[in-house]
Amino acid sequence: MSYRIERVNELLHQEVSKILPREVEFKDCIVTVTNVKTVPSLLSCDVLITVIPEKKEKDALAEIRASLYEIQKIINKRLNIKKVPRLFFKIDEGAKNLYKIDKISSYGKKRPKNNFQEN
């Protein structure tokens, strides 16, 4: 990945993370931007998000897509670059899988014993 693409990814990540809570009203969930992946031509980028709780993912994506025009407009104004990528929001499946693996791997571990003895 080129240095320019890395910088654009970082910049988009910062800006979208700031804009999303202000522009979109999420109901009963927490949404975080986990990653941004821009194509080398700078025409588009995938903004990967995680939603807690998982059952609200579809609702959160619907809210974001309803406000996508406003979000894109703000990004276009804030970024001082020649080509501003078009934003596409997606659920970060990697983060979900990592959480599931962590949950499974900690399932078999014993819990630490309580050092306090009852009398």
C-alpha atoms as a PDB file:
ATOM      1  CA  MET A   1       0.000   0.000   0.000  1.00  0.00           C
ATOM      2  CA  SER A   2       1.368   3.393  -0.935  1.00  0.00           C
ATOM      3  CA  TYR A   3       2.078   6.122   1.564  1.00  0.00           C
ATOM      4  CA  ARG A   4      -0.607   8.338   0.023  1.00  0.00           C
ATOM      5  CA  ILE A   5      -3.315   5.684   0.404  1.00  0.00           C
ATOM      6  CA  GLU A   6      -2.271   5.110   4.020  1.00  0.00           C
ATOM      7  CA  ARG A   7      -2.532   8.832   4.765  1.00  0.00           C
ATOM      8  CA  VAL A   8      -5.934   9.089   3.058  1.00  0.00           C
ATOM      9  CA  ASN A   9      -7.139   6.070   5.068  1.00  0.00           C
ATOM     10  CA  GLU A  10      -5.982   7.669   8.329  1.00  0.00           C
ATOM     11  CA  LEU A  11      -7.544  11.009   7.453  1.00  0.00           C
ATOM     12  CA  LEU A  12     -10.866   9.441   6.442  1.00  0.00           C
ATOM     13  CA  HIS A  13     -10.889   7.288   9.582  1.00  0.00           C
ATOM     14  CA  GLN A  14     -10.439  10.356  11.793  1.00  0.00           C
ATOM     15  CA  GLU A  15     -13.005  12.479   9.990  1.00  0.00           C
ATOM     16  CA  VAL A  16     -15.698   9.804   9.666  1.00  0.00           C
ATOM     17  CA  SER A  17     -15.226   8.898  13.346  1.00  0.00           C
ATOM     18  CA  LYS A  18     -15.919  12.533  14.261  1.00  0.00           C
ATOM     19  CA  ILE A  19     -18.807  13.052  11.836  1.00  0.00           C
ATOM     20  CA  LEU A  20     -20.743   9.824  12.392  1.00  0.00           C
ATOM     21  CA  PRO A  21     -21.960  10.481  15.971  1.00  0.00           C
ATOM     22  CA  ARG A  22     -22.946  14.060  15.101  1.00  0.00           C
ATOM     23  CA  GLU A  23     -24.834  13.375  11.891  1.00  0.00           C
ATOM     24  CA  VAL A  24     -26.472  10.022  12.584  1.00  0.00           C
ATOM     25  CA  GLU A  25     -28.793   9.345  15.473  1.00  0.00           C
ATOM     26  CA  PHE A  26     -28.271   5.741  16.564  1.00  0.00           C
ATOM     27  CA  LYS A  27     -30.972   4.161  18.688  1.00  0.00           C
ATOM     28  CA  ASP A  28     -29.824   1.906  21.523  1.00  0.00           C
ATOM     29  CA  CYS A  29     -26.458   0.993  20.022  1.00  0.00           C
ATOM     30  CA  ILE A  30     -22.826   2.027  19.865  1.00  0.00           C
ATOM     31  CA  VAL A  31     -21.164   2.363  16.460  1.00  0.00           C
ATOM     32  CA  THR A  32     -17.403   2.631  15.982  1.00  0.00           C
ATOM     33  CA  VAL A  33     -15.291   2.976  12.858  1.00  0.00           C
ATOM     34  CA  THR A  34     -12.718   0.169  12.926  1.00  0.00           C
ATOM     35  CA  ASN A  35     -10.986   0.542   9.566  1.00  0.00           C
ATOM     36  CA  VAL A  36     -11.019   2.409   6.258  1.00  0.00           C
ATOM     37  CA  LYS A  37      -9.842   0.775   3.031  1.00  0.00           C
ATOM     38  CA  THR A  38      -9.393   3.070   0.037  1.00  0.00           C
ATOM     39  CA  VAL A  39      -8.830   1.724  -3.472  1.00  0.00           C
ATOM     40  CA  PRO A  40      -5.596   2.908  -5.157  1.00  0.00           C
ATOM     41  CA  SER A  41      -7.501   5.061  -7.664  1.00  0.00           C
ATOM     42  CA  LEU A  42      -9.106   7.000  -4.749  1.00  0.00           C
ATOM     43  CA  LEU A  43     -12.534   6.584  -6.325  1.00  0.00           C
ATOM     44  CA  SER A  44     -14.093   4.754  -3.384  1.00  0.00           C
ATOM     45  CA  CYS A  45     -13.406   3.450   0.079  1.00  0.00           C
ATOM     46  CA  ASP A  46     -14.973   0.938   2.431  1.00  0.00           C
ATOM     47  CA  VAL A  47     -15.599   2.249   5.927  1.00  0.00           C
ATOM     48  CA  LEU A  48     -15.739  -0.757   8.245  1.00  0.00           C
ATOM     49  CA  ILE A  49     -17.812  -0.364  11.389  1.00  0.00           C
ATOM     50  CA  THR A  50     -18.705  -2.424  14.422  1.00  0.00           C
ATOM     51  CA  VAL A  51     -22.059  -2.176  16.166  1.00  0.00           C
ATOM     52  CA  ILE A  52     -22.792  -3.129  19.747  1.00  0.00           C
ATOM     53  CA  PRO A  53     -25.117  -4.994  20.240  1.00  0.00           C
ATOM     54  CA  GLU A  54     -24.775  -7.110  17.104  1.00  0.00           C
ATOM     55  CA  LYS A  55     -28.527  -7.457  16.629  1.00  0.00           C
ATOM     56  CA  LYS A  56     -28.713  -3.703  15.841  1.00  0.00           C
ATOM     57  CA  GLU A  57     -26.285  -3.902  12.880  1.00  0.00           C
ATOM     58  CA  LYS A  58     -28.967  -3.708  10.192  1.00  0.00           C
ATOM     59  CA  ASP A  59     -30.669  -0.767  11.896  1.00  0.00           C
ATOM     60  CA  ALA A  60     -27.373   1.106  12.273  1.00  0.00           C
ATOM     61  CA  LEU A  61     -26.438   0.539   8.617  1.00  0.00           C
ATOM     62  CA  ALA A  62     -29.872   1.726   7.540  1.00  0.00           C
ATOM     63  CA  GLU A  63     -29.449   4.915   9.607  1.00  0.00           C
ATOM     64  CA  ILE A  64     -25.995   5.533   8.128  1.00  0.00           C
ATOM     65  CA  ARG A  65     -27.187   4.952   4.574  1.00  0.00           C
ATOM     66  CA  ALA A  66     -30.083   7.353   5.128  1.00  0.00           C
ATOM     67  CA  SER A  67     -27.561  10.045   6.138  1.00  0.00           C
ATOM     68  CA  LEU A  68     -24.862   9.079   3.638  1.00  0.00           C
ATOM     69  CA  TYR A  69     -25.393  12.113   1.413  1.00  0.00           C
ATOM     70  CA  GLU A  70     -24.823  14.514   4.322  1.00  0.00           C
ATOM     71  CA  ILE A  71     -21.791  12.573   5.566  1.00  0.00           C
ATOM     72  CA  GLN A  72     -20.228  12.545   2.090  1.00  0.00           C
ATOM     73  CA  LYS A  73     -20.911  16.266   1.672  1.00  0.00           C
ATOM     74  CA  ILE A  74     -19.137  17.084   4.943  1.00  0.00           C
ATOM     75  CA  ILE A  75     -16.180  14.867   4.030  1.00  0.00           C
ATOM     76  CA  ASN A  76     -15.915  16.542   0.626  1.00  0.00           C
ATOM     77  CA  LYS A  77     -15.722  19.969   2.300  1.00  0.00           C
ATOM     78  CA  ARG A  78     -13.268  18.996   5.042  1.00  0.00           C
ATOM     79  CA  LEU A  79     -10.699  17.084   3.022  1.00  0.00           C
ATOM     80  CA  ASN A  80      -8.290  19.166   1.037  1.00  0.00           C
ATOM     81  CA  ILE A  81      -7.358  16.558  -1.572  1.00  0.00           C
ATOM     82  CA  LYS A  82      -7.847  16.336  -5.300  1.00  0.00           C
ATOM     83  CA  LYS A  83      -9.977  13.193  -5.348  1.00  0.00           C
ATOM     84  CA  VAL A  84     -12.255  12.506  -2.398  1.00  0.00           C
ATOM     85  CA  PRO A  85     -13.287   8.840  -2.337  1.00  0.00           C
ATOM     86  CA  ARG A  86     -16.934   7.854  -2.303  1.00  0.00           C
ATOM     87  CA  LEU A  87     -17.833   6.261   1.038  1.00  0.00           C
ATOM     88  CA  PHE A  88     -19.342   2.789   1.388  1.00  0.00           C
ATOM     89  CA  PHE A  89     -20.184   1.578   4.898  1.00  0.00           C
ATOM     90  CA  LYS A  90     -19.885  -2.107   5.775  1.00  0.00           C
ATOM     91  CA  ILE A  91     -19.898  -4.246   8.896  1.00  0.00           C
ATOM     92  CA  ASP A  92     -16.404  -5.323   9.975  1.00  0.00           C
ATOM     93  CA  GLU A  93     -16.703  -9.111   9.919  1.00  0.00           C
ATOM     94  CA  GLY A  94     -13.067  -9.494  11.002  1.00  0.00           C
ATOM     95  CA  ALA A  95     -13.734  -7.804  14.324  1.00  0.00           C
ATOM     96  CA  LYS A  96     -16.809  -9.996  14.882  1.00  0.00           C
ATOM     97  CA  ASN A  97     -14.821 -13.142  14.112  1.00  0.00           C
ATOM     98  CA  LEU A  98     -11.996 -12.043  16.411  1.00  0.00           C
ATOM     99  CA  TYR A  99     -14.488 -11.568  19.246  1.00  0.00           C
ATOM    100  CA  LYS A 100     -15.960 -15.042  18.638  1.00  0.00           C
ATOM    101  CA  ILE A 101     -12.498 -16.659  18.587  1.00  0.00           C
ATOM    102  CA  ASP A 102     -11.562 -14.880  21.803  1.00  0.00           C
ATOM    103  CA  LYS A 103     -14.795 -16.015  23.427  1.00  0.00           C
ATOM    104  CA  ILE A 104     -14.238 -19.626  22.352  1.00  0.00           C
ATOM    105  CA  SER A 105     -10.593 -19.660  23.439  1.00  0.00           C
ATOM    106  CA  SER A 106     -11.420 -18.320  26.894  1.00  0.00           C
ATOM    107  CA  TYR A 107     -14.306 -20.784  27.355  1.00  0.00           C
ATOM    108  CA  GLY A 108     -12.114 -23.705  28.413  1.00  0.00           C
ATOM    109  CA  LYS A 109      -9.893 -21.722  30.760  1.00  0.00           C
ATOM    110  CA  LYS A 110     -10.383 -22.062  34.469  1.00  0.00           C
ATOM    111  CA  ARG A 111     -11.403 -19.030  36.414  1.00  0.00           C
ATOM    112  CA  PRO A 112      -8.967 -17.810  39.061  1.00  0.00           C
ATOM    113  CA  LYS A 113      -9.703 -19.037  42.554  1.00  0.00           C
ATOM    114  CA  ASN A 114     -10.898 -16.644  45.169  1.00  0.00           C
ATOM    115  CA  ASN A 115      -8.091 -16.107  47.669  1.00  0.00           C
ATOM    116  CA  PHE A 116     -10.493 -15.331  50.474  1.00  0.00           C
ATOM    117  CA  GLN A 117     -11.505 -18.201  52.677  1.00  0.00           C
ATOM    118  CA  GLU A 118     -14.930 -18.355  54.157  1.00  0.00           C
ATOM    119  CA  ASN A 119     -15.210 -19.071  57.881  1.00  0.00           C
END
